[in-house]
N, C-alpha and C. Protein backbone atom coordinates (compact mmCIF):
# COMPACT_ATOMS: atom_id res chain seq x y z
N MET A 1 33.37 9.14 -48.79
CA MET A 1 32.49 7.97 -48.89
C MET A 1 33.25 6.79 -49.51
N PRO A 2 33.07 5.61 -48.94
CA PRO A 2 33.67 4.44 -49.59
C PRO A 2 32.93 4.09 -50.87
N LYS A 3 33.59 3.30 -51.70
CA LYS A 3 32.95 2.88 -52.94
C LYS A 3 31.75 1.99 -52.63
N MET A 4 30.73 2.09 -53.47
CA MET A 4 29.57 1.21 -53.32
C MET A 4 29.88 -0.11 -54.01
N LYS A 5 29.31 -1.19 -53.48
CA LYS A 5 29.57 -2.51 -54.05
C LYS A 5 28.44 -2.90 -55.01
N THR A 6 28.83 -3.50 -56.12
CA THR A 6 27.86 -4.08 -57.05
C THR A 6 27.60 -5.51 -56.61
N LYS A 7 26.34 -5.91 -56.57
CA LYS A 7 25.97 -7.27 -56.18
C LYS A 7 26.57 -8.25 -57.18
N SER A 8 27.35 -9.21 -56.68
CA SER A 8 28.06 -10.14 -57.57
C SER A 8 27.10 -10.95 -58.44
N SER A 9 25.96 -11.32 -57.88
CA SER A 9 24.99 -12.10 -58.66
C SER A 9 24.46 -11.29 -59.83
N CYS A 10 24.33 -9.98 -59.65
CA CYS A 10 23.80 -9.12 -60.72
C CYS A 10 24.83 -8.90 -61.82
N LYS A 11 26.08 -8.75 -61.45
CA LYS A 11 27.10 -8.51 -62.49
C LYS A 11 27.27 -9.73 -63.38
N LYS A 12 26.94 -10.92 -62.85
CA LYS A 12 27.05 -12.14 -63.64
C LYS A 12 25.84 -12.35 -64.55
N ARG A 13 24.67 -11.85 -64.14
CA ARG A 13 23.43 -12.20 -64.82
C ARG A 13 22.84 -11.12 -65.71
N PHE A 14 23.16 -9.85 -65.46
CA PHE A 14 22.48 -8.76 -66.14
C PHE A 14 23.45 -7.80 -66.81
N LYS A 15 22.99 -7.18 -67.89
CA LYS A 15 23.71 -6.10 -68.56
C LYS A 15 22.73 -4.94 -68.72
N VAL A 16 23.25 -3.73 -68.78
CA VAL A 16 22.40 -2.56 -68.99
C VAL A 16 22.54 -2.12 -70.43
N THR A 17 21.41 -1.92 -71.11
CA THR A 17 21.42 -1.50 -72.51
C THR A 17 21.71 0.00 -72.58
N ALA A 18 21.94 0.51 -73.78
CA ALA A 18 22.25 1.93 -73.97
C ALA A 18 21.09 2.81 -73.53
N SER A 19 19.87 2.31 -73.65
CA SER A 19 18.70 3.11 -73.24
C SER A 19 18.39 2.96 -71.75
N GLY A 20 19.20 2.15 -71.04
CA GLY A 20 19.03 2.03 -69.60
C GLY A 20 18.18 0.87 -69.14
N ARG A 21 17.69 0.06 -70.07
CA ARG A 21 16.92 -1.12 -69.69
C ARG A 21 17.88 -2.23 -69.24
N ILE A 22 17.35 -3.23 -68.54
CA ILE A 22 18.17 -4.34 -68.06
C ILE A 22 17.95 -5.55 -68.97
N LYS A 23 19.05 -6.11 -69.45
CA LYS A 23 19.00 -7.26 -70.36
C LYS A 23 19.38 -8.51 -69.58
N ALA A 24 18.61 -9.59 -69.77
CA ALA A 24 18.87 -10.84 -69.05
C ALA A 24 18.63 -12.02 -69.96
N GLY A 25 19.20 -13.16 -69.60
CA GLY A 25 18.98 -14.38 -70.35
C GLY A 25 17.57 -14.91 -70.11
N GLN A 26 17.08 -15.68 -71.06
CA GLN A 26 15.74 -16.24 -70.94
C GLN A 26 15.70 -17.30 -69.84
N ALA A 27 14.60 -17.34 -69.10
CA ALA A 27 14.43 -18.33 -68.03
C ALA A 27 13.78 -19.60 -68.58
N GLY A 28 13.96 -20.69 -67.87
CA GLY A 28 13.23 -21.91 -68.18
C GLY A 28 13.83 -22.79 -69.27
N LYS A 29 15.14 -22.65 -69.53
CA LYS A 29 15.74 -23.44 -70.61
C LYS A 29 16.91 -24.30 -70.15
N ARG A 30 17.00 -24.59 -68.87
CA ARG A 30 18.12 -25.38 -68.35
C ARG A 30 17.92 -26.87 -68.59
N HIS A 31 16.72 -27.34 -68.35
CA HIS A 31 16.45 -28.77 -68.50
C HIS A 31 14.97 -28.97 -68.78
N GLY A 32 14.59 -30.20 -69.14
CA GLY A 32 13.17 -30.49 -69.41
C GLY A 32 12.70 -29.96 -70.76
N MET A 33 13.61 -29.87 -71.74
CA MET A 33 13.23 -29.33 -73.04
C MET A 33 12.34 -30.27 -73.84
N ILE A 34 12.37 -31.56 -73.50
CA ILE A 34 11.56 -32.54 -74.23
C ILE A 34 10.07 -32.21 -74.10
N LYS A 35 9.67 -31.84 -72.89
CA LYS A 35 8.25 -31.57 -72.66
C LYS A 35 7.81 -30.17 -73.10
N ARG A 36 8.75 -29.30 -73.38
CA ARG A 36 8.41 -27.94 -73.82
C ARG A 36 7.95 -27.96 -75.27
N THR A 37 7.10 -27.02 -75.61
CA THR A 37 6.64 -26.95 -77.00
C THR A 37 7.74 -26.32 -77.85
N THR A 38 7.70 -26.59 -79.13
CA THR A 38 8.67 -26.01 -80.06
C THR A 38 8.56 -24.50 -80.06
N LYS A 39 7.34 -23.99 -79.94
CA LYS A 39 7.11 -22.54 -79.90
C LYS A 39 7.79 -21.91 -78.68
N PHE A 40 7.69 -22.57 -77.54
CA PHE A 40 8.32 -22.05 -76.33
C PHE A 40 9.83 -21.97 -76.51
N ILE A 41 10.43 -23.05 -77.02
CA ILE A 41 11.88 -23.09 -77.20
C ILE A 41 12.33 -22.02 -78.19
N ARG A 42 11.57 -21.84 -79.25
CA ARG A 42 11.90 -20.84 -80.27
C ARG A 42 11.79 -19.43 -79.69
N ASP A 43 10.72 -19.16 -78.95
CA ASP A 43 10.51 -17.83 -78.38
C ASP A 43 11.49 -17.50 -77.26
N ALA A 44 12.05 -18.52 -76.62
CA ALA A 44 12.95 -18.31 -75.49
C ALA A 44 14.41 -18.24 -75.91
N ARG A 45 14.69 -18.07 -77.18
CA ARG A 45 16.07 -17.93 -77.66
C ARG A 45 16.64 -16.58 -77.26
N GLY A 46 17.94 -16.52 -77.11
CA GLY A 46 18.62 -15.24 -76.91
C GLY A 46 18.35 -14.62 -75.55
N THR A 47 18.20 -13.30 -75.53
CA THR A 47 18.01 -12.57 -74.27
C THR A 47 16.69 -11.82 -74.32
N THR A 48 16.31 -11.28 -73.16
CA THR A 48 15.08 -10.50 -73.05
C THR A 48 15.34 -9.31 -72.14
N THR A 49 14.47 -8.31 -72.17
CA THR A 49 14.59 -7.19 -71.24
C THR A 49 13.62 -7.42 -70.09
N LEU A 50 14.04 -6.99 -68.91
CA LEU A 50 13.21 -7.19 -67.73
C LEU A 50 12.04 -6.21 -67.72
N SER A 51 11.00 -6.57 -66.99
CA SER A 51 9.86 -5.67 -66.83
C SER A 51 10.26 -4.49 -65.95
N LYS A 52 9.46 -3.44 -65.96
CA LYS A 52 9.76 -2.25 -65.17
C LYS A 52 9.84 -2.58 -63.68
N ALA A 53 8.93 -3.45 -63.21
CA ALA A 53 8.93 -3.83 -61.79
C ALA A 53 10.21 -4.56 -61.40
N ASP A 54 10.67 -5.46 -62.27
CA ASP A 54 11.91 -6.18 -61.98
C ASP A 54 13.12 -5.27 -62.09
N GLU A 55 13.08 -4.31 -62.99
CA GLU A 55 14.18 -3.35 -63.13
C GLU A 55 14.39 -2.57 -61.84
N GLN A 56 13.29 -2.19 -61.19
CA GLN A 56 13.40 -1.40 -59.96
C GLN A 56 14.06 -2.20 -58.84
N ILE A 57 13.98 -3.52 -58.90
CA ILE A 57 14.63 -4.37 -57.90
C ILE A 57 16.12 -4.48 -58.20
N ILE A 58 16.47 -4.61 -59.49
CA ILE A 58 17.86 -4.88 -59.89
C ILE A 58 18.72 -3.62 -59.90
N LYS A 59 18.19 -2.50 -60.35
CA LYS A 59 19.00 -1.29 -60.52
C LYS A 59 19.73 -0.82 -59.26
N PRO A 60 19.10 -0.86 -58.07
CA PRO A 60 19.88 -0.45 -56.88
C PRO A 60 21.06 -1.38 -56.57
N MET A 61 21.01 -2.60 -57.06
CA MET A 61 22.10 -3.54 -56.81
C MET A 61 23.28 -3.31 -57.75
N MET A 62 23.10 -2.46 -58.78
CA MET A 62 24.16 -2.18 -59.75
C MET A 62 24.38 -0.66 -59.79
N PRO A 63 25.02 -0.08 -58.78
CA PRO A 63 25.12 1.38 -58.70
C PRO A 63 25.95 2.03 -59.80
N TYR A 64 26.90 1.29 -60.39
CA TYR A 64 27.77 1.89 -61.40
C TYR A 64 27.36 1.57 -62.83
N ALA A 65 26.27 0.83 -62.99
CA ALA A 65 25.75 0.59 -64.35
C ALA A 65 25.19 1.91 -64.85
N ARG A 66 25.45 2.24 -66.11
CA ARG A 66 25.07 3.54 -66.68
C ARG A 66 23.77 4.10 -66.15
C-alpha cells in the first residue's frame, strides 16, 4: 500500500492533543475587533478544542495523527 496523504490544510491548522482531541485556533479574530465586545475578545484568546462533530470531519484527513 502507498503511504496515505495528510491534508495540507489540516496540518497547518490543527494539532492533536495527548487525549486525542483536536486543538485549533479561535475563529473570528482576524479583523473587526473594534465592534467586538471585550468579553468576546477575552474569551477568544489562545486555542480551543473542536466539537465531536467537527472532529469526525477532521480526523480522516490526518491519518498519521496519534
